[in-house]
Amino acid sequence: MKTILQIEDNTANKLLIERVLERFNYRLLHAEDGETGFNMALEEKPDLILVDMGLPDIDGQTVVTLMRQVPELKDAAIVAITAWPADTALEMALRYGCDGCITKPIDVKTFPAEIAKYLTTDD
């Protein structure tokens, strides 16, 4: 079973993502701020980390930078979940060390397939 850590401070966004993904047999974890998310990622070593870029304590960019400096997390799949403008979101997410970007509001029809592509591994 693949583990997904969602670092998201907005309850409505958290619940929507959980509701969309719950039927896919993922183990879903949640942190509501960057510090908690960073610590959970270290402890749980999730297969995928979804990071809101606008967190209340440490911004998502800093959380991703910190994760990329830790040997156990430097190769983790990290995807920005952001309300940044779609035309610049992916470029910004990649610059910050993310593997990809999903813009808000999420499209519930395409979201599961977007998540699945980050969980496909060749190893």
N, C-alpha and C. Protein backbone atom coordinates (compact mmCIF):
# COMPACT_ATOMS: atom_id res chain seq x y z
N MET A 1 0.85 -1.19 0.00
CA MET A 1 0.00 0.00 0.00
C MET A 1 0.88 1.24 0.00
N LYS A 2 0.62 2.14 -0.92
CA LYS A 2 1.39 3.38 -1.03
C LYS A 2 0.91 4.38 0.02
N THR A 3 1.86 5.12 0.58
CA THR A 3 1.56 6.13 1.59
C THR A 3 1.71 7.52 0.99
N ILE A 4 0.69 8.34 1.21
CA ILE A 4 0.69 9.73 0.75
C ILE A 4 0.57 10.64 1.96
N LEU A 5 1.52 11.56 2.09
CA LEU A 5 1.46 12.58 3.14
C LEU A 5 0.97 13.87 2.51
N GLN A 6 -0.08 14.41 3.05
CA GLN A 6 -0.64 15.68 2.58
C GLN A 6 -0.32 16.75 3.63
N ILE A 7 0.41 17.78 3.23
CA ILE A 7 0.70 18.90 4.13
C ILE A 7 -0.16 20.05 3.67
N GLU A 8 -1.25 20.28 4.39
CA GLU A 8 -2.30 21.22 3.95
C GLU A 8 -2.97 21.81 5.18
N ASP A 9 -3.05 23.14 5.25
CA ASP A 9 -3.66 23.79 6.41
C ASP A 9 -5.14 24.09 6.21
N ASN A 10 -5.63 24.01 5.00
CA ASN A 10 -7.03 24.32 4.73
C ASN A 10 -7.86 23.04 4.85
N THR A 11 -8.79 23.03 5.81
CA THR A 11 -9.58 21.82 6.08
C THR A 11 -10.40 21.38 4.87
N ALA A 12 -10.99 22.32 4.15
CA ALA A 12 -11.80 21.96 2.99
C ALA A 12 -10.95 21.28 1.92
N ASN A 13 -9.75 21.81 1.67
CA ASN A 13 -8.86 21.19 0.68
C ASN A 13 -8.41 19.81 1.15
N LYS A 14 -8.09 19.68 2.42
CA LYS A 14 -7.68 18.39 3.00
C LYS A 14 -8.77 17.35 2.79
N LEU A 15 -9.99 17.71 3.15
CA LEU A 15 -11.11 16.77 3.06
C LEU A 15 -11.41 16.39 1.61
N LEU A 16 -11.32 17.35 0.70
CA LEU A 16 -11.57 17.07 -0.70
C LEU A 16 -10.55 16.06 -1.23
N ILE A 17 -9.28 16.28 -0.96
CA ILE A 17 -8.24 15.36 -1.42
C ILE A 17 -8.45 13.98 -0.81
N GLU A 18 -8.75 13.92 0.48
CA GLU A 18 -9.01 12.63 1.12
C GLU A 18 -10.19 11.92 0.48
N ARG A 19 -11.27 12.66 0.24
CA ARG A 19 -12.47 12.07 -0.34
C ARG A 19 -12.20 11.52 -1.75
N VAL A 20 -11.41 12.25 -2.52
CA VAL A 20 -11.11 11.80 -3.89
C VAL A 20 -10.20 10.58 -3.87
N LEU A 21 -9.26 10.52 -2.93
CA LEU A 21 -8.26 9.44 -2.94
C LEU A 21 -8.62 8.21 -2.10
N GLU A 22 -9.60 8.33 -1.20
CA GLU A 22 -9.88 7.25 -0.26
C GLU A 22 -10.24 5.92 -0.93
N ARG A 23 -10.82 5.96 -2.09
CA ARG A 23 -11.24 4.72 -2.75
C ARG A 23 -10.11 4.01 -3.48
N PHE A 24 -8.89 4.59 -3.46
CA PHE A 24 -7.77 4.01 -4.19
C PHE A 24 -6.81 3.22 -3.31
N ASN A 25 -7.21 2.94 -2.08
CA ASN A 25 -6.43 2.09 -1.19
C ASN A 25 -5.04 2.64 -0.88
N TYR A 26 -4.94 3.96 -0.77
CA TYR A 26 -3.71 4.58 -0.31
C TYR A 26 -3.78 4.73 1.20
N ARG A 27 -2.64 4.76 1.83
CA ARG A 27 -2.56 5.13 3.25
C ARG A 27 -2.36 6.64 3.26
N LEU A 28 -3.36 7.37 3.75
CA LEU A 28 -3.33 8.83 3.71
C LEU A 28 -2.96 9.40 5.08
N LEU A 29 -1.93 10.24 5.08
CA LEU A 29 -1.50 10.93 6.30
C LEU A 29 -1.69 12.42 6.09
N HIS A 30 -1.83 13.15 7.19
CA HIS A 30 -2.07 14.59 7.08
C HIS A 30 -1.29 15.36 8.13
N ALA A 31 -0.74 16.47 7.71
CA ALA A 31 -0.13 17.45 8.62
C ALA A 31 -0.69 18.81 8.25
N GLU A 32 -0.98 19.62 9.26
CA GLU A 32 -1.60 20.91 8.97
C GLU A 32 -0.62 22.08 8.92
N ASP A 33 0.66 21.80 9.12
CA ASP A 33 1.66 22.86 8.99
C ASP A 33 2.98 22.26 8.53
N GLY A 34 3.89 23.12 8.13
CA GLY A 34 5.15 22.68 7.55
C GLY A 34 6.03 21.91 8.51
N GLU A 35 6.15 22.38 9.74
CA GLU A 35 7.02 21.70 10.71
C GLU A 35 6.52 20.29 11.00
N THR A 36 5.23 20.16 11.23
CA THR A 36 4.64 18.84 11.48
C THR A 36 4.82 17.95 10.26
N GLY A 37 4.59 18.50 9.08
CA GLY A 37 4.74 17.74 7.85
C GLY A 37 6.15 17.25 7.64
N PHE A 38 7.12 18.12 7.89
CA PHE A 38 8.53 17.74 7.76
C PHE A 38 8.85 16.58 8.71
N ASN A 39 8.43 16.71 9.95
CA ASN A 39 8.69 15.65 10.94
C ASN A 39 7.98 14.35 10.59
N MET A 40 6.75 14.44 10.10
CA MET A 40 6.03 13.23 9.69
C MET A 40 6.70 12.56 8.50
N ALA A 41 7.20 13.37 7.57
CA ALA A 41 7.89 12.82 6.41
C ALA A 41 9.14 12.06 6.85
N LEU A 42 9.88 12.61 7.80
CA LEU A 42 11.07 11.93 8.32
C LEU A 42 10.72 10.61 8.98
N GLU A 43 9.64 10.63 9.73
CA GLU A 43 9.22 9.44 10.49
C GLU A 43 8.59 8.37 9.59
N GLU A 44 7.72 8.78 8.69
CA GLU A 44 6.91 7.85 7.91
C GLU A 44 7.52 7.45 6.56
N LYS A 45 8.39 8.29 6.01
CA LYS A 45 9.00 8.04 4.69
C LYS A 45 7.92 7.71 3.64
N PRO A 46 6.99 8.65 3.41
CA PRO A 46 5.88 8.38 2.48
C PRO A 46 6.37 8.23 1.03
N ASP A 47 5.54 7.57 0.23
CA ASP A 47 5.84 7.39 -1.19
C ASP A 47 5.64 8.68 -1.97
N LEU A 48 4.73 9.52 -1.49
CA LEU A 48 4.41 10.79 -2.15
C LEU A 48 4.09 11.82 -1.08
N ILE A 49 4.60 13.03 -1.28
CA ILE A 49 4.32 14.14 -0.37
C ILE A 49 3.65 15.24 -1.17
N LEU A 50 2.44 15.60 -0.78
CA LEU A 50 1.70 16.70 -1.39
C LEU A 50 1.86 17.92 -0.49
N VAL A 51 2.44 18.98 -0.98
CA VAL A 51 2.74 20.15 -0.15
C VAL A 51 2.00 21.37 -0.65
N ASP A 52 1.16 21.93 0.23
CA ASP A 52 0.55 23.23 -0.05
C ASP A 52 1.68 24.26 0.04
N MET A 53 1.76 25.16 -0.90
CA MET A 53 2.84 26.14 -0.87
C MET A 53 2.58 27.29 0.09
N GLY A 54 1.31 27.47 0.50
CA GLY A 54 0.98 28.56 1.42
C GLY A 54 0.62 28.02 2.79
N LEU A 55 1.62 27.63 3.56
CA LEU A 55 1.38 27.07 4.89
C LEU A 55 1.51 28.16 5.95
N PRO A 56 0.90 27.96 7.13
CA PRO A 56 0.87 29.02 8.13
C PRO A 56 2.19 29.27 8.86
N ASP A 57 3.04 28.27 8.96
CA ASP A 57 4.27 28.45 9.75
C ASP A 57 5.50 28.60 8.86
N ILE A 58 5.81 27.57 8.11
CA ILE A 58 6.93 27.57 7.19
C ILE A 58 6.33 27.42 5.79
N ASP A 59 6.71 28.28 4.86
CA ASP A 59 6.10 28.16 3.53
C ASP A 59 6.53 26.85 2.87
N GLY A 60 5.73 26.41 1.92
CA GLY A 60 5.96 25.13 1.25
C GLY A 60 7.32 25.05 0.58
N GLN A 61 7.78 26.16 0.03
CA GLN A 61 9.08 26.17 -0.63
C GLN A 61 10.18 25.80 0.35
N THR A 62 10.11 26.34 1.56
CA THR A 62 11.12 26.06 2.59
C THR A 62 11.02 24.61 3.03
N VAL A 63 9.80 24.10 3.19
CA VAL A 63 9.61 22.70 3.59
C VAL A 63 10.26 21.78 2.55
N VAL A 64 10.02 22.04 1.27
CA VAL A 64 10.60 21.21 0.22
C VAL A 64 12.12 21.32 0.25
N THR A 65 12.65 22.52 0.41
CA THR A 65 14.10 22.71 0.47
C THR A 65 14.70 21.90 1.62
N LEU A 66 14.05 21.95 2.78
CA LEU A 66 14.53 21.19 3.94
C LEU A 66 14.50 19.69 3.66
N MET A 67 13.40 19.21 3.05
CA MET A 67 13.28 17.79 2.75
C MET A 67 14.37 17.33 1.78
N ARG A 68 14.68 18.15 0.81
CA ARG A 68 15.69 17.78 -0.19
C ARG A 68 17.11 17.73 0.40
N GLN A 69 17.29 18.31 1.59
CA GLN A 69 18.60 18.29 2.24
C GLN A 69 18.80 17.07 3.12
N VAL A 70 17.73 16.30 3.35
CA VAL A 70 17.79 15.12 4.21
C VAL A 70 17.97 13.89 3.33
N PRO A 71 19.02 13.10 3.55
CA PRO A 71 19.26 11.94 2.69
C PRO A 71 18.06 11.01 2.52
N GLU A 72 17.29 10.77 3.58
CA GLU A 72 16.15 9.86 3.50
C GLU A 72 15.00 10.41 2.66
N LEU A 73 14.99 11.72 2.45
CA LEU A 73 13.87 12.35 1.73
C LEU A 73 14.28 12.98 0.41
N LYS A 74 15.57 13.06 0.12
CA LYS A 74 16.00 13.82 -1.05
C LYS A 74 15.46 13.25 -2.36
N ASP A 75 15.13 11.96 -2.38
CA ASP A 75 14.59 11.35 -3.59
C ASP A 75 13.08 11.11 -3.53
N ALA A 76 12.44 11.57 -2.46
CA ALA A 76 10.99 11.37 -2.32
C ALA A 76 10.26 12.15 -3.41
N ALA A 77 9.13 11.60 -3.86
CA ALA A 77 8.27 12.32 -4.80
C ALA A 77 7.53 13.41 -4.04
N ILE A 78 7.76 14.66 -4.43
CA ILE A 78 7.12 15.81 -3.78
C ILE A 78 6.39 16.61 -4.84
N VAL A 79 5.11 16.85 -4.60
CA VAL A 79 4.28 17.59 -5.56
C VAL A 79 3.68 18.80 -4.85
N ALA A 80 3.85 19.96 -5.46
CA ALA A 80 3.23 21.18 -4.94
C ALA A 80 1.75 21.18 -5.27
N ILE A 81 0.95 21.53 -4.28
CA ILE A 81 -0.48 21.76 -4.49
C ILE A 81 -0.65 23.26 -4.25
N THR A 82 -0.99 24.00 -5.29
CA THR A 82 -0.91 25.45 -5.16
C THR A 82 -1.98 26.19 -5.95
N ALA A 83 -2.25 27.38 -5.51
CA ALA A 83 -3.16 28.27 -6.23
C ALA A 83 -2.38 29.26 -7.09
N TRP A 84 -1.07 29.02 -7.26
CA TRP A 84 -0.29 29.87 -8.15
C TRP A 84 -0.93 29.85 -9.54
N PRO A 85 -0.71 30.89 -10.33
CA PRO A 85 -1.24 30.89 -11.70
C PRO A 85 -0.73 29.69 -12.48
N ALA A 86 -1.61 29.03 -13.19
CA ALA A 86 -1.28 27.78 -13.88
C ALA A 86 -0.11 27.93 -14.85
N ASP A 87 0.02 29.09 -15.48
CA ASP A 87 1.08 29.25 -16.48
C ASP A 87 2.48 29.31 -15.89
N THR A 88 2.60 29.60 -14.60
CA THR A 88 3.91 29.64 -13.97
C THR A 88 4.08 28.62 -12.85
N ALA A 89 3.01 27.94 -12.46
CA ALA A 89 3.05 27.05 -11.30
C ALA A 89 4.07 25.93 -11.43
N LEU A 90 4.08 25.24 -12.56
CA LEU A 90 5.01 24.11 -12.72
C LEU A 90 6.45 24.60 -12.69
N GLU A 91 6.75 25.66 -13.40
CA GLU A 91 8.11 26.20 -13.42
C GLU A 91 8.57 26.56 -12.00
N MET A 92 7.69 27.21 -11.24
CA MET A 92 8.03 27.60 -9.87
C MET A 92 8.22 26.37 -8.99
N ALA A 93 7.33 25.40 -9.12
CA ALA A 93 7.42 24.19 -8.29
C ALA A 93 8.73 23.45 -8.57
N LEU A 94 9.08 23.31 -9.83
CA LEU A 94 10.33 22.63 -10.18
C LEU A 94 11.53 23.40 -9.65
N ARG A 95 11.48 24.70 -9.72
CA ARG A 95 12.57 25.54 -9.20
C ARG A 95 12.75 25.32 -7.70
N TYR A 96 11.66 25.09 -6.98
CA TYR A 96 11.73 24.88 -5.54
C TYR A 96 12.07 23.45 -5.15
N GLY A 97 12.25 22.57 -6.13
CA GLY A 97 12.66 21.20 -5.82
C GLY A 97 11.54 20.17 -5.86
N CYS A 98 10.37 20.57 -6.30
CA CYS A 98 9.26 19.63 -6.41
C CYS A 98 9.40 18.82 -7.70
N ASP A 99 8.75 17.67 -7.72
CA ASP A 99 8.74 16.83 -8.91
C ASP A 99 7.62 17.22 -9.87
N GLY A 100 6.67 18.01 -9.38
CA GLY A 100 5.56 18.43 -10.21
C GLY A 100 4.66 19.37 -9.43
N CYS A 101 3.54 19.68 -10.06
CA CYS A 101 2.63 20.66 -9.47
C CYS A 101 1.20 20.34 -9.89
N ILE A 102 0.29 20.48 -8.96
CA ILE A 102 -1.14 20.35 -9.23
C ILE A 102 -1.77 21.65 -8.74
N THR A 103 -2.50 22.32 -9.62
CA THR A 103 -3.05 23.61 -9.25
C THR A 103 -4.43 23.46 -8.61
N LYS A 104 -4.72 24.41 -7.73
CA LYS A 104 -6.03 24.50 -7.08
C LYS A 104 -6.88 25.46 -7.90
N PRO A 105 -8.16 25.27 -7.93
CA PRO A 105 -8.86 24.12 -7.34
C PRO A 105 -8.54 22.85 -8.12
N ILE A 106 -8.39 21.75 -7.38
CA ILE A 106 -8.05 20.50 -8.06
C ILE A 106 -9.25 20.02 -8.89
N ASP A 107 -8.93 19.36 -9.97
CA ASP A 107 -9.95 18.77 -10.83
C ASP A 107 -10.16 17.35 -10.33
N VAL A 108 -11.28 17.09 -9.69
CA VAL A 108 -11.51 15.78 -9.07
C VAL A 108 -11.55 14.64 -10.09
N LYS A 109 -11.80 14.97 -11.34
CA LYS A 109 -11.84 13.92 -12.37
C LYS A 109 -10.43 13.47 -12.78
N THR A 110 -9.48 14.40 -12.85
CA THR A 110 -8.12 14.05 -13.29
C THR A 110 -7.15 13.85 -12.13
N PHE A 111 -7.51 14.28 -10.93
CA PHE A 111 -6.61 14.23 -9.78
C PHE A 111 -6.08 12.82 -9.48
N PRO A 112 -6.94 11.77 -9.44
CA PRO A 112 -6.41 10.43 -9.15
C PRO A 112 -5.34 9.97 -10.14
N ALA A 113 -5.52 10.26 -11.41
CA ALA A 113 -4.53 9.88 -12.42
C ALA A 113 -3.24 10.68 -12.25
N GLU A 114 -3.37 11.95 -11.89
CA GLU A 114 -2.18 12.77 -11.64
C GLU A 114 -1.38 12.21 -10.47
N ILE A 115 -2.09 11.82 -9.41
CA ILE A 115 -1.43 11.24 -8.24
C ILE A 115 -0.77 9.92 -8.61
N ALA A 116 -1.47 9.08 -9.34
CA ALA A 116 -0.95 7.75 -9.70
C ALA A 116 0.35 7.86 -10.48
N LYS A 117 0.48 8.86 -11.33
CA LYS A 117 1.72 8.95 -12.14
C LYS A 117 2.94 9.25 -11.26
N TYR A 118 2.75 9.90 -10.12
CA TYR A 118 3.86 10.17 -9.21
C TYR A 118 4.20 8.96 -8.35
N LEU A 119 3.27 8.00 -8.29
CA LEU A 119 3.49 6.80 -7.49
C LEU A 119 4.00 5.63 -8.33
N THR A 120 4.13 5.84 -9.61
CA THR A 120 4.65 4.79 -10.50
C THR A 120 6.17 4.83 -10.40
N THR A 121 6.72 3.70 -9.97
CA THR A 121 8.17 3.65 -9.82
C THR A 121 8.74 2.57 -10.71
N ASP A 122 9.98 2.76 -11.10
CA ASP A 122 10.66 1.80 -11.94
C ASP A 122 11.52 0.83 -11.15
N ASP A 123 11.58 1.01 -9.85
CA ASP A 123 12.48 0.16 -9.07
C ASP A 123 11.83 -1.09 -8.57
